[in-house]
């Protein structure tokens, strides 16, 4: 899809230099109304809450990102705009239009496979109440402040009682980066925390579940740090064994009966890309695997 969008953008840019930009695509307001129309039909009906969340969560995520981060009522392409800027705006609008069409198609195809569809909205919101309680417990552990908790990045200390590794250990850097990214998501993603009222309950349930998995992973890593795990590999065999163990875990997750577990596997798989790319390069590049990197949590 990305290659197609880039090619389309080049064609649009060529047209913009010779014609009226406003004739190329619909305005942001028009596309936003289409987003709202599809959103009103979601989460709709499904074979059950778990399957419905897995199917509709991704579709709702497209709409949520479009509404909160890309499309605004004033998003438009004007004749006076710089052609490059207009081309980028048109590319974004066209991408969202394609997602709306794809989302509607996927919804229709899924419902054809459901023998006895049932409404799942109430079940999802009930599940969100439980997840919100779990997230709130974590936030309380990470923060003692009662105000602006989501705007104060926590330190990694709550995850271990004693630090049995050196200050520059990769395990500490990994924990710091992981917590920082998790808190970024809790702050800016549609996650059930501090009374958040979801517009899209399926995607909110998915993102909240993902945040809880990340926090649990941070907790597990904190326990390893207490035991002295610095994540400095002793040799190549150690790296290979860890890689195979991680691949095996994700493979089992992707083959699970629970559709939400299979969805979770799709979120984890991209994490393999950069390490595998580094390991496939020269020995000099391998040094990057254990170089300390700036942490989001530590820089706030």
C-alpha atoms as a PDB file:
ATOM      1  CA  UNK A   1       0.000   0.000   0.000  1.00  0.00           C
ATOM      2  CA  UNK A   2       2.856   2.425   0.856  1.00  0.00           C
ATOM      3  CA  UNK A   3       4.430   2.050  -2.604  1.00  0.00           C
ATOM      4  CA  UNK A   4       1.058   2.637  -4.243  1.00  0.00           C
ATOM      5  CA  UNK A   5       0.488   5.784  -2.160  1.00  0.00           C
ATOM      6  CA  UNK A   6       3.930   7.149  -3.079  1.00  0.00           C
ATOM      7  CA  UNK A   7       3.317   6.519  -6.779  1.00  0.00           C
ATOM      8  CA  UNK A   8      -0.102   8.150  -6.522  1.00  0.00           C
ATOM      9  CA  UNK A   9       1.437  11.147  -4.743  1.00  0.00           C
ATOM     10  CA  UNK A  10       3.911  11.623  -7.606  1.00  0.00           C
ATOM     11  CA  UNK A  11       1.074  11.598 -10.102  1.00  0.00           C
ATOM     12  CA  UNK A  12      -0.885  14.040  -7.957  1.00  0.00           C
ATOM     13  CA  UNK A  13       2.130  16.330  -7.633  1.00  0.00           C
ATOM     14  CA  UNK A  14       2.493  16.413 -11.412  1.00  0.00           C
ATOM     15  CA  UNK A  15      -1.184  17.303 -11.707  1.00  0.00           C
ATOM     16  CA  UNK A  16      -0.908  19.985  -9.023  1.00  0.00           C
ATOM     17  CA  UNK A  17       1.796  21.844 -10.918  1.00  0.00           C
ATOM     18  CA  UNK A  18      -0.505  22.170 -13.903  1.00  0.00           C
ATOM     19  CA  UNK A  19      -4.070  22.112 -12.547  1.00  0.00           C
ATOM     20  CA  UNK A  20      -6.245  23.052  -9.596  1.00  0.00           C
ATOM     21  CA  UNK A  21      -5.286  21.220  -6.373  1.00  0.00           C
ATOM     22  CA  UNK A  22      -8.874  21.314  -5.146  1.00  0.00           C
ATOM     23  CA  UNK A  23      -9.945  19.173  -8.114  1.00  0.00           C
ATOM     24  CA  UNK A  24      -7.691  16.281  -7.122  1.00  0.00           C
ATOM     25  CA  UNK A  25      -9.414  15.007  -3.978  1.00  0.00           C
ATOM     26  CA  UNK A  26     -12.246  15.626  -1.546  1.00  0.00           C
ATOM     27  CA  UNK A  27     -11.613  17.938   1.387  1.00  0.00           C
ATOM     28  CA  UNK A  28     -10.826  16.830   4.902  1.00  0.00           C
ATOM     29  CA  UNK A  29     -14.319  17.684   6.116  1.00  0.00           C
ATOM     30  CA  UNK A  30     -15.922  15.369   3.557  1.00  0.00           C
ATOM     31  CA  UNK A  31     -13.592  12.524   4.407  1.00  0.00           C
ATOM     32  CA  UNK A  32     -14.118  13.127   8.124  1.00  0.00           C
ATOM     33  CA  UNK A  33     -17.861  12.687   7.654  1.00  0.00           C
ATOM     34  CA  UNK A  34     -17.176   9.324   5.994  1.00  0.00           C
ATOM     35  CA  UNK A  35     -14.989   8.354   8.930  1.00  0.00           C
ATOM     36  CA  UNK A  36     -17.822   9.272  11.300  1.00  0.00           C
ATOM     37  CA  UNK A  37     -20.351   7.282   9.273  1.00  0.00           C
ATOM     38  CA  UNK A  38     -18.262   4.117   9.368  1.00  0.00           C
ATOM     39  CA  UNK A  39     -17.423   4.734  13.027  1.00  0.00           C
ATOM     40  CA  UNK A  40     -21.114   4.896  13.916  1.00  0.00           C
ATOM     41  CA  UNK A  41     -21.526   1.337  12.646  1.00  0.00           C
ATOM     42  CA  UNK A  42     -18.712   0.010  14.849  1.00  0.00           C
ATOM     43  CA  UNK A  43     -18.159  -2.148  16.777  1.00  0.00           C
ATOM     44  CA  UNK A  44     -21.456  -3.464  15.496  1.00  0.00           C
ATOM     45  CA  UNK A  45     -22.199  -7.156  15.737  1.00  0.00           C
ATOM     46  CA  UNK A  46     -19.856 -10.137  15.902  1.00  0.00           C
ATOM     47  CA  UNK A  47     -19.692 -13.798  16.841  1.00  0.00           C
ATOM     48  CA  UNK A  48     -18.574 -12.676  20.307  1.00  0.00           C
ATOM     49  CA  UNK A  49     -16.697  -9.907  22.151  1.00  0.00           C
ATOM     50  CA  UNK A  50     -13.207 -11.400  21.698  1.00  0.00           C
ATOM     51  CA  UNK A  51     -13.556 -12.035  17.966  1.00  0.00           C
ATOM     52  CA  UNK A  52     -15.287  -8.697  17.468  1.00  0.00           C
ATOM     53  CA  UNK A  53     -12.496  -6.846  19.247  1.00  0.00           C
ATOM     54  CA  UNK A  54      -9.854  -8.513  17.071  1.00  0.00           C
ATOM     55  CA  UNK A  55     -11.740  -7.748  13.851  1.00  0.00           C
ATOM     56  CA  UNK A  56     -13.013  -4.253  14.583  1.00  0.00           C
ATOM     57  CA  UNK A  57     -10.092  -3.057  16.700  1.00  0.00           C
ATOM     58  CA  UNK A  58      -7.818  -2.511  13.708  1.00  0.00           C
ATOM     59  CA  UNK A  59     -10.539  -0.811  11.677  1.00  0.00           C
ATOM     60  CA  UNK A  60     -11.388   1.497  14.561  1.00  0.00           C
ATOM     61  CA  UNK A  61      -7.678   2.233  14.990  1.00  0.00           C
ATOM     62  CA  UNK A  62      -7.526   3.617  11.443  1.00  0.00           C
ATOM     63  CA  UNK A  63     -10.463   5.882  12.179  1.00  0.00           C
ATOM     64  CA  UNK A  64      -9.154   6.938  15.576  1.00  0.00           C
ATOM     65  CA  UNK A  65      -5.763   7.971  14.169  1.00  0.00           C
ATOM     66  CA  UNK A  66      -7.471   9.783  11.285  1.00  0.00           C
ATOM     67  CA  UNK A  67      -9.705  11.770  13.623  1.00  0.00           C
ATOM     68  CA  UNK A  68      -7.224  12.600  16.366  1.00  0.00           C
ATOM     69  CA  UNK A  69      -3.950  12.973  14.483  1.00  0.00           C
ATOM     70  CA  UNK A  70      -4.563  13.555  10.785  1.00  0.00           C
ATOM     71  CA  UNK A  71      -7.960  14.927   9.840  1.00  0.00           C
ATOM     72  CA  UNK A  72      -9.408  18.130  11.188  1.00  0.00           C
ATOM     73  CA  UNK A  73     -12.408  20.138  10.079  1.00  0.00           C
ATOM     74  CA  UNK A  74     -10.047  22.680   8.500  1.00  0.00           C
ATOM     75  CA  UNK A  75      -7.946  20.121   6.614  1.00  0.00           C
ATOM     76  CA  UNK A  76      -8.115  21.199   2.997  1.00  0.00           C
ATOM     77  CA  UNK A  77      -6.102  21.735  -0.134  1.00  0.00           C
ATOM     78  CA  UNK A  78      -6.095  25.272  -1.481  1.00  0.00           C
ATOM     79  CA  UNK A  79      -4.960  26.628  -4.834  1.00  0.00           C
ATOM     80  CA  UNK A  80      -2.414  28.867  -3.066  1.00  0.00           C
ATOM     81  CA  UNK A  81      -0.713  26.013  -1.236  1.00  0.00           C
ATOM     82  CA  UNK A  82       2.830  24.943  -1.966  1.00  0.00           C
ATOM     83  CA  UNK A  83       2.582  21.946  -4.367  1.00  0.00           C
ATOM     84  CA  UNK A  84       4.718  19.721  -2.131  1.00  0.00           C
ATOM     85  CA  UNK A  85       2.602  20.486   0.939  1.00  0.00           C
ATOM     86  CA  UNK A  86      -0.588  20.062  -1.053  1.00  0.00           C
ATOM     87  CA  UNK A  87       0.684  16.726  -2.360  1.00  0.00           C
ATOM     88  CA  UNK A  88       1.363  15.461   1.170  1.00  0.00           C
ATOM     89  CA  UNK A  89      -2.082  16.583   2.334  1.00  0.00           C
ATOM     90  CA  UNK A  90      -3.772  14.919  -0.634  1.00  0.00           C
ATOM     91  CA  UNK A  91      -1.788  11.716   0.009  1.00  0.00           C
ATOM     92  CA  UNK A  92      -2.975  11.644   3.632  1.00  0.00           C
ATOM     93  CA  UNK A  93      -6.605  12.282   2.662  1.00  0.00           C
ATOM     94  CA  UNK A  94      -6.506   9.612  -0.038  1.00  0.00           C
ATOM     95  CA  UNK A  95      -4.919   7.120   2.364  1.00  0.00           C
ATOM     96  CA  UNK A  96      -7.705   7.652   4.882  1.00  0.00           C
ATOM     97  CA  UNK A  97     -10.359   7.360   2.182  1.00  0.00           C
ATOM     98  CA  UNK A  98      -8.858   4.006   1.161  1.00  0.00           C
ATOM     99  CA  UNK A  99      -8.925   2.869   4.809  1.00  0.00           C
ATOM    100  CA  UNK A 100     -12.589   3.820   5.136  1.00  0.00           C
ATOM    101  CA  UNK A 101     -13.408   1.788   2.043  1.00  0.00           C
ATOM    102  CA  UNK A 102     -11.278  -1.145   3.190  1.00  0.00           C
ATOM    103  CA  UNK A 103     -12.799  -0.989   6.679  1.00  0.00           C
ATOM    104  CA  UNK A 104     -16.333  -1.131   5.354  1.00  0.00           C
ATOM    105  CA  UNK A 105     -15.408  -4.034   3.094  1.00  0.00           C
ATOM    106  CA  UNK A 106     -13.745  -6.003   5.905  1.00  0.00           C
ATOM    107  CA  UNK A 107     -16.741  -5.419   8.167  1.00  0.00           C
ATOM    108  CA  UNK A 108     -19.118  -6.720   5.515  1.00  0.00           C
ATOM    109  CA  UNK A 109     -16.966  -9.765   4.728  1.00  0.00           C
ATOM    110  CA  UNK A 110     -16.608 -10.656   8.394  1.00  0.00           C
ATOM    111  CA  UNK A 111     -20.344 -10.491   9.037  1.00  0.00           C
ATOM    112  CA  UNK A 112     -20.862 -12.966   6.180  1.00  0.00           C
ATOM    113  CA  UNK A 113     -18.926 -15.543   8.219  1.00  0.00           C
ATOM    114  CA  UNK A 114     -20.963 -15.071  11.414  1.00  0.00           C
ATOM    115  CA  UNK A 115     -23.940 -17.416  11.760  1.00  0.00           C
ATOM    116  CA  UNK A 116     -25.481 -15.814  14.848  1.00  0.00           C
ATOM    117  CA  UNK A 117     -24.197 -12.238  15.174  1.00  0.00           C
ATOM    118  CA  UNK A 118     -24.610 -10.591  18.545  1.00  0.00           C
ATOM    119  CA  UNK A 119     -24.188  -6.993  19.710  1.00  0.00           C
ATOM    120  CA  UNK A 120     -20.896  -6.629  21.591  1.00  0.00           C
ATOM    121  CA  UNK A 121     -20.720  -2.955  22.590  1.00  0.00           C
ATOM    122  CA  UNK A 122     -21.927  -3.486  26.172  1.00  0.00           C
ATOM    123  CA  UNK A 123     -19.576  -6.438  26.686  1.00  0.00           C
ATOM    124  CA  UNK A 124     -16.596  -4.409  25.446  1.00  0.00           C
ATOM    125  CA  UNK A 125     -17.346  -1.508  27.762  1.00  0.00           C
ATOM    126  CA  UNK A 126     -17.694  -3.899  30.680  1.00  0.00           C
ATOM    127  CA  UNK A 127     -14.303  -5.377  29.830  1.00  0.00           C
ATOM    128  CA  UNK A 128     -12.835  -1.880  29.623  1.00  0.00           C
ATOM    129  CA  UNK A 129     -13.957  -1.190  33.185  1.00  0.00           C
ATOM    130  CA  UNK A 130     -11.815  -4.103  34.363  1.00  0.00           C
ATOM    131  CA  UNK A 131      -8.811  -3.043  32.271  1.00  0.00           C
ATOM    132  CA  UNK A 132      -9.135   0.537  33.483  1.00  0.00           C
ATOM    133  CA  UNK A 133      -8.910  -0.691  37.061  1.00  0.00           C
ATOM    134  CA  UNK A 134      -5.750  -2.650  36.184  1.00  0.00           C
ATOM    135  CA  UNK A 135      -4.126   0.355  34.485  1.00  0.00           C
ATOM    136  CA  UNK A 136      -5.017   2.626  37.398  1.00  0.00           C
ATOM    137  CA  UNK A 137      -3.305   0.223  39.809  1.00  0.00           C
ATOM    138  CA  UNK A 138      -0.139   0.403  37.732  1.00  0.00           C
ATOM    139  CA  UNK A 139      -0.235   4.205  37.500  1.00  0.00           C
ATOM    140  CA  UNK A 140      -0.669   4.375  41.265  1.00  0.00           C
ATOM    141  CA  UNK A 141       2.379   2.142  41.757  1.00  0.00           C
ATOM    142  CA  UNK A 142       4.461   4.309  39.419  1.00  0.00           C
ATOM    143  CA  UNK A 143       3.264   7.616  40.874  1.00  0.00           C
ATOM    144  CA  UNK A 144       2.391   8.937  44.293  1.00  0.00           C
ATOM    145  CA  UNK A 145       1.125  12.248  42.911  1.00  0.00           C
ATOM    146  CA  UNK A 146      -2.622  12.641  42.645  1.00  0.00           C
ATOM    147  CA  UNK A 147      -2.495  15.252  39.866  1.00  0.00           C
ATOM    148  CA  UNK A 148      -0.942  15.278  36.398  1.00  0.00           C
ATOM    149  CA  UNK A 149       0.175  11.677  36.774  1.00  0.00           C
ATOM    150  CA  UNK A 150       0.072  11.037  33.044  1.00  0.00           C
ATOM    151  CA  UNK A 151       2.249  14.072  32.383  1.00  0.00           C
ATOM    152  CA  UNK A 152       4.997  13.016  34.784  1.00  0.00           C
ATOM    153  CA  UNK A 153       7.189  10.317  33.369  1.00  0.00           C
ATOM    154  CA  UNK A 154       7.980   7.749  36.071  1.00  0.00           C
ATOM    155  CA  UNK A 155      11.396   6.335  36.828  1.00  0.00           C
ATOM    156  CA  UNK A 156      12.181   2.648  36.522  1.00  0.00           C
ATOM    157  CA  UNK A 157      12.912   2.172  40.245  1.00  0.00           C
ATOM    158  CA  UNK A 158       9.440   0.825  41.162  1.00  0.00           C
ATOM    159  CA  UNK A 159      10.208  -2.288  39.107  1.00  0.00           C
ATOM    160  CA  UNK A 160      13.032  -3.519  41.360  1.00  0.00           C
ATOM    161  CA  UNK A 161      14.009  -3.250  45.022  1.00  0.00           C
ATOM    162  CA  UNK A 162      17.728  -3.604  44.380  1.00  0.00           C
ATOM    163  CA  UNK A 163      19.764  -2.931  41.257  1.00  0.00           C
ATOM    164  CA  UNK A 164      22.275  -5.710  40.842  1.00  0.00           C
ATOM    165  CA  UNK A 165      23.708  -4.511  37.499  1.00  0.00           C
ATOM    166  CA  UNK A 166      25.995  -1.705  36.320  1.00  0.00           C
ATOM    167  CA  UNK A 167      24.476   1.696  35.520  1.00  0.00           C
ATOM    168  CA  UNK A 168      25.137   1.270  31.798  1.00  0.00           C
ATOM    169  CA  UNK A 169      23.737  -2.262  31.573  1.00  0.00           C
ATOM    170  CA  UNK A 170      21.570  -2.881  28.485  1.00  0.00           C
ATOM    171  CA  UNK A 171      18.856  -4.327  30.705  1.00  0.00           C
ATOM    172  CA  UNK A 172      18.439  -0.957  32.445  1.00  0.00           C
ATOM    173  CA  UNK A 173      18.406   0.856  29.110  1.00  0.00           C
ATOM    174  CA  UNK A 174      15.826  -1.581  27.763  1.00  0.00           C
ATOM    175  CA  UNK A 175      13.610  -1.129  30.813  1.00  0.00           C
ATOM    176  CA  UNK A 176      13.881   2.651  30.582  1.00  0.00           C
ATOM    177  CA  UNK A 177      13.047   2.724  26.879  1.00  0.00           C
ATOM    178  CA  UNK A 178      10.210   0.246  27.294  1.00  0.00           C
ATOM    179  CA  UNK A 179       8.638   2.193  30.150  1.00  0.00           C
ATOM    180  CA  UNK A 180       9.059   5.471  28.298  1.00  0.00           C
ATOM    181  CA  UNK A 181       7.322   4.145  25.173  1.00  0.00           C
ATOM    182  CA  UNK A 182       4.574   2.578  27.266  1.00  0.00           C
ATOM    183  CA  UNK A 183       3.899   5.846  29.033  1.00  0.00           C
ATOM    184  CA  UNK A 184       3.865   7.701  25.702  1.00  0.00           C
ATOM    185  CA  UNK A 185       1.109   5.345  24.612  1.00  0.00           C
ATOM    186  CA  UNK A 186      -0.811   5.693  27.871  1.00  0.00           C
ATOM    187  CA  UNK A 187      -0.711   9.474  27.496  1.00  0.00           C
ATOM    188  CA  UNK A 188      -1.588   9.798  23.827  1.00  0.00           C
ATOM    189  CA  UNK A 189      -3.317   6.585  22.761  1.00  0.00           C
ATOM    190  CA  UNK A 190      -6.991   5.828  23.414  1.00  0.00           C
ATOM    191  CA  UNK A 191      -6.339   3.901  26.624  1.00  0.00           C
ATOM    192  CA  UNK A 192      -8.830   3.327  29.422  1.00  0.00           C
ATOM    193  CA  UNK A 193      -7.305   5.430  32.199  1.00  0.00           C
ATOM    194  CA  UNK A 194      -8.558   8.265  34.399  1.00  0.00           C
ATOM    195  CA  UNK A 195     -12.162   8.029  33.241  1.00  0.00           C
ATOM    196  CA  UNK A 196     -11.417   8.067  29.505  1.00  0.00           C
ATOM    197  CA  UNK A 197     -14.660   7.621  27.576  1.00  0.00           C
ATOM    198  CA  UNK A 198     -13.870   5.687  24.409  1.00  0.00           C
ATOM    199  CA  UNK A 199     -15.294   6.656  21.059  1.00  0.00           C
ATOM    200  CA  UNK A 200     -14.066   3.343  19.696  1.00  0.00           C
ATOM    201  CA  UNK A 201     -14.316   0.657  22.416  1.00  0.00           C
ATOM    202  CA  UNK A 202     -12.721  -2.156  20.395  1.00  0.00           C
ATOM    203  CA  UNK A 203      -9.534  -0.247  19.635  1.00  0.00           C
ATOM    204  CA  UNK A 204      -9.469   1.162  23.182  1.00  0.00           C
ATOM    205  CA  UNK A 205      -9.640  -2.372  24.553  1.00  0.00           C
ATOM    206  CA  UNK A 206      -6.801  -3.483  22.245  1.00  0.00           C
ATOM    207  CA  UNK A 207      -4.555  -0.530  23.102  1.00  0.00           C
ATOM    208  CA  UNK A 208      -5.255  -0.864  26.839  1.00  0.00           C
ATOM    209  CA  UNK A 209      -4.498  -4.573  26.734  1.00  0.00           C
ATOM    210  CA  UNK A 210      -1.243  -3.835  24.888  1.00  0.00           C
ATOM    211  CA  UNK A 211      -0.250  -1.250  27.519  1.00  0.00           C
ATOM    212  CA  UNK A 212      -0.863  -3.789  30.283  1.00  0.00           C
ATOM    213  CA  UNK A 213       1.255  -6.386  28.464  1.00  0.00           C
ATOM    214  CA  UNK A 214       4.078  -3.847  28.172  1.00  0.00           C
ATOM    215  CA  UNK A 215       3.856  -2.960  31.849  1.00  0.00           C
ATOM    216  CA  UNK A 216       3.926  -6.649  32.750  1.00  0.00           C
ATOM    217  CA  UNK A 217       7.013  -7.066  30.548  1.00  0.00           C
ATOM    218  CA  UNK A 218       8.673  -4.160  32.373  1.00  0.00           C
ATOM    219  CA  UNK A 219       7.857  -5.878  35.661  1.00  0.00           C
ATOM    220  CA  UNK A 220       9.404  -9.145  34.449  1.00  0.00           C
ATOM    221  CA  UNK A 221      12.530  -7.304  33.302  1.00  0.00           C
ATOM    222  CA  UNK A 222      12.734  -5.561  36.675  1.00  0.00           C
ATOM    223  CA  UNK A 223      12.810  -8.961  38.358  1.00  0.00           C
ATOM    224  CA  UNK A 224      15.652 -10.075  36.090  1.00  0.00           C
ATOM    225  CA  UNK A 225      17.591  -6.907  36.919  1.00  0.00           C
ATOM    226  CA  UNK A 226      17.218  -7.719  40.616  1.00  0.00           C
ATOM    227  CA  UNK A 227      18.751 -11.099  39.865  1.00  0.00           C
ATOM    228  CA  UNK A 228      21.730  -9.459  38.130  1.00  0.00           C
ATOM    229  CA  UNK A 229      20.686  -9.834  34.474  1.00  0.00           C
ATOM    230  CA  UNK A 230      22.556  -7.180  32.472  1.00  0.00           C
ATOM    231  CA  UNK A 231      21.682  -8.586  28.986  1.00  0.00           C
ATOM    232  CA  UNK A 232      25.315  -8.479  27.860  1.00  0.00           C
ATOM    233  CA  UNK A 233      25.495 -11.639  25.704  1.00  0.00           C
ATOM    234  CA  UNK A 234      28.424 -13.907  26.520  1.00  0.00           C
ATOM    235  CA  UNK A 235      28.826 -15.090  22.920  1.00  0.00           C
ATOM    236  CA  UNK A 236      26.999 -15.579  19.633  1.00  0.00           C
ATOM    237  CA  UNK A 237      25.350 -18.749  20.858  1.00  0.00           C
ATOM    238  CA  UNK A 238      23.650 -16.785  23.650  1.00  0.00           C
ATOM    239  CA  UNK A 239      22.209 -14.361  21.102  1.00  0.00           C
ATOM    240  CA  UNK A 240      21.031 -17.212  18.855  1.00  0.00           C
ATOM    241  CA  UNK A 241      19.348 -19.004  21.749  1.00  0.00           C
ATOM    242  CA  UNK A 242      17.558 -15.859  22.903  1.00  0.00           C
ATOM    243  CA  UNK A 243      16.428 -15.104  19.353  1.00  0.00           C
ATOM    244  CA  UNK A 244      15.063 -18.614  18.837  1.00  0.00           C
ATOM    245  CA  UNK A 245      13.242 -18.494  22.173  1.00  0.00           C
ATOM    246  CA  UNK A 246      11.624 -15.169  21.243  1.00  0.00           C
ATOM    247  CA  UNK A 247      10.598 -16.442  17.808  1.00  0.00           C
ATOM    248  CA  UNK A 248       9.122 -19.590  19.351  1.00  0.00           C
ATOM    249  CA  UNK A 249       7.104 -17.537  21.859  1.00  0.00           C
ATOM    250  CA  UNK A 250       5.634 -15.306  19.151  1.00  0.00           C
ATOM    251  CA  UNK A 251       4.930 -18.310  16.922  1.00  0.00           C
ATOM    252  CA  UNK A 252       2.893 -19.923  19.700  1.00  0.00           C
ATOM    253  CA  UNK A 253       1.069 -16.646  20.280  1.00  0.00           C
ATOM    254  CA  UNK A 254       0.227 -16.289  16.584  1.00  0.00           C
ATOM    255  CA  UNK A 255      -1.195 -19.832  16.549  1.00  0.00           C
ATOM    256  CA  UNK A 256      -3.367 -19.346  19.656  1.00  0.00           C
ATOM    257  CA  UNK A 257      -7.099 -19.995  19.586  1.00  0.00           C
ATOM    258  CA  UNK A 258      -7.811 -16.587  21.112  1.00  0.00           C
ATOM    259  CA  UNK A 259      -8.053 -13.982  18.302  1.00  0.00           C
ATOM    260  CA  UNK A 260      -6.751 -11.225  20.603  1.00  0.00           C
ATOM    261  CA  UNK A 261      -3.608 -13.255  21.303  1.00  0.00           C
ATOM    262  CA  UNK A 262      -3.066 -13.615  17.566  1.00  0.00           C
ATOM    263  CA  UNK A 263      -3.528  -9.856  17.181  1.00  0.00           C
ATOM    264  CA  UNK A 264      -0.970  -9.291  19.940  1.00  0.00           C
ATOM    265  CA  UNK A 265       1.529 -11.350  17.932  1.00  0.00           C
ATOM    266  CA  UNK A 266       1.175  -8.902  15.033  1.00  0.00           C
ATOM    267  CA  UNK A 267       2.171  -6.082  17.398  1.00  0.00           C
ATOM    268  CA  UNK A 268       5.284  -7.926  18.587  1.00  0.00           C
ATOM    269  CA  UNK A 269       6.631  -9.159  15.248  1.00  0.00           C
ATOM    270  CA  UNK A 270       7.873  -5.711  14.038  1.00  0.00           C
ATOM    271  CA  UNK A 271      10.178  -5.586  17.089  1.00  0.00           C
ATOM    272  CA  UNK A 272      12.343  -8.261  15.439  1.00  0.00           C
ATOM    273  CA  UNK A 273      13.072  -6.171  12.343  1.00  0.00           C
ATOM    274  CA  UNK A 274      15.844  -3.874  13.566  1.00  0.00           C
ATOM    275  CA  UNK A 275      17.793  -6.483  15.619  1.00  0.00           C
ATOM    276  CA  UNK A 276      17.630  -8.961  12.720  1.00  0.00           C
ATOM    277  CA  UNK A 277      18.832  -6.277  10.302  1.00  0.00           C
ATOM    278  CA  UNK A 278      21.775  -5.454  12.574  1.00  0.00           C
ATOM    279  CA  UNK A 279      22.689  -9.122  13.059  1.00  0.00           C
ATOM    280  CA  UNK A 280      22.687  -9.698   9.298  1.00  0.00           C
ATOM    281  CA  UNK A 281      25.252  -6.928   8.726  1.00  0.00           C
ATOM    282  CA  UNK A 282      28.983  -6.742   9.389  1.00  0.00           C
ATOM    283  CA  UNK A 283      30.625  -7.407  12.775  1.00  0.00           C
ATOM    284  CA  UNK A 284      31.156  -3.666  13.246  1.00  0.00           C
ATOM    285  CA  UNK A 285      27.421  -3.086  13.085  1.00  0.00           C
ATOM    286  CA  UNK A 286      26.832  -5.708  15.808  1.00  0.00           C
ATOM    287  CA  UNK A 287      28.265  -3.269  18.332  1.00  0.00           C
ATOM    288  CA  UNK A 288      25.045  -1.268  18.058  1.00  0.00           C
ATOM    289  CA  UNK A 289      23.179  -4.049  19.839  1.00  0.00           C
ATOM    290  CA  UNK A 290      24.672  -3.115  23.192  1.00  0.00           C
ATOM    291  CA  UNK A 291      25.370   0.596  22.756  1.00  0.00           C
ATOM    292  CA  UNK A 292      23.537   2.678  25.403  1.00  0.00           C
ATOM    293  CA  UNK A 293      20.776   4.757  23.837  1.00  0.00           C
ATOM    294  CA  UNK A 294      18.949   7.802  25.223  1.00  0.00           C
ATOM    295  CA  UNK A 295      15.814   6.801  27.101  1.00  0.00           C
ATOM    296  CA  UNK A 296      12.541   8.655  26.872  1.00  0.00           C
ATOM    297  CA  UNK A 297      11.828   8.147  30.571  1.00  0.00           C
ATOM    298  CA  UNK A 298      15.266   9.384  31.603  1.00  0.00           C
ATOM    299  CA  UNK A 299      15.174  12.538  29.484  1.00  0.00           C
ATOM    300  CA  UNK A 300      11.946  13.934  30.911  1.00  0.00           C
END
